[in-house]
Amino acid sequence: RWWRKRLAPSLPEQLAITIQAHIRAWIARRNVTKTKSCAIVIQ
């Protein structure tokens, strides 16, 4: 992937941390939307 080389060839740890943060945020948002839809169905 081109952006990996471009972003941080010297800082792989920082890149990994950034990717993990994005993935965690995405999963959290997905879970929130699931719970919201469940709450609406229950109501």
Protein backbone atom coordinates (compact mmCIF):
# COMPACT_ATOMS: atom_id res chain seq x y z
CA ARG A 1 0.00 0.00 0.00
CA TRP A 2 1.42 3.33 -1.09
CA TRP A 3 0.24 5.31 1.94
CA ARG A 4 2.19 3.12 4.37
CA LYS A 5 5.47 4.01 2.71
CA ARG A 6 4.45 7.62 2.36
CA LEU A 7 3.14 8.18 5.89
CA ALA A 8 5.82 6.77 8.17
CA PRO A 9 8.59 4.54 6.86
CA SER A 10 10.62 5.42 9.96
CA LEU A 11 7.76 5.14 12.47
CA PRO A 12 6.01 1.77 12.08
CA GLU A 13 4.87 1.72 15.71
CA GLN A 14 3.12 5.07 15.36
CA LEU A 15 1.45 3.91 12.16
CA ALA A 16 0.24 0.71 13.83
CA ILE A 17 -1.14 2.70 16.77
CA THR A 18 -2.99 5.03 14.38
CA ILE A 19 -4.50 2.13 12.44
CA GLN A 20 -5.56 0.39 15.66
CA ALA A 21 -7.20 3.58 16.91
CA HIS A 22 -9.14 3.95 13.66
CA ILE A 23 -10.25 0.31 13.75
CA ARG A 24 -11.35 0.58 17.40
CA ALA A 25 -13.30 3.75 16.68
CA TRP A 26 -14.97 2.09 13.68
CA ILE A 27 -15.95 -0.98 15.74
CA ALA A 28 -17.25 1.23 18.56
CA ARG A 29 -19.37 3.25 16.12
CA ARG A 30 -20.73 0.04 14.58
CA ASN A 31 -21.67 -1.29 18.02
CA VAL A 32 -23.40 1.98 18.92
CA THR A 33 -25.54 1.88 15.77
CA LYS A 34 -26.45 -1.75 16.52
CA THR A 35 -27.54 -0.90 20.07
CA LYS A 36 -29.52 2.12 18.88
CA SER A 37 -31.44 0.05 16.35
CA CYS A 38 -32.10 -2.62 19.00
CA ALA A 39 -33.37 0.01 21.43
CA ILE A 40 -35.72 1.41 18.78
CA VAL A 41 -37.08 -2.08 18.05
CA ILE A 42 -37.66 -2.73 21.78
CA GLN A 43 -39.48 0.56 22.22
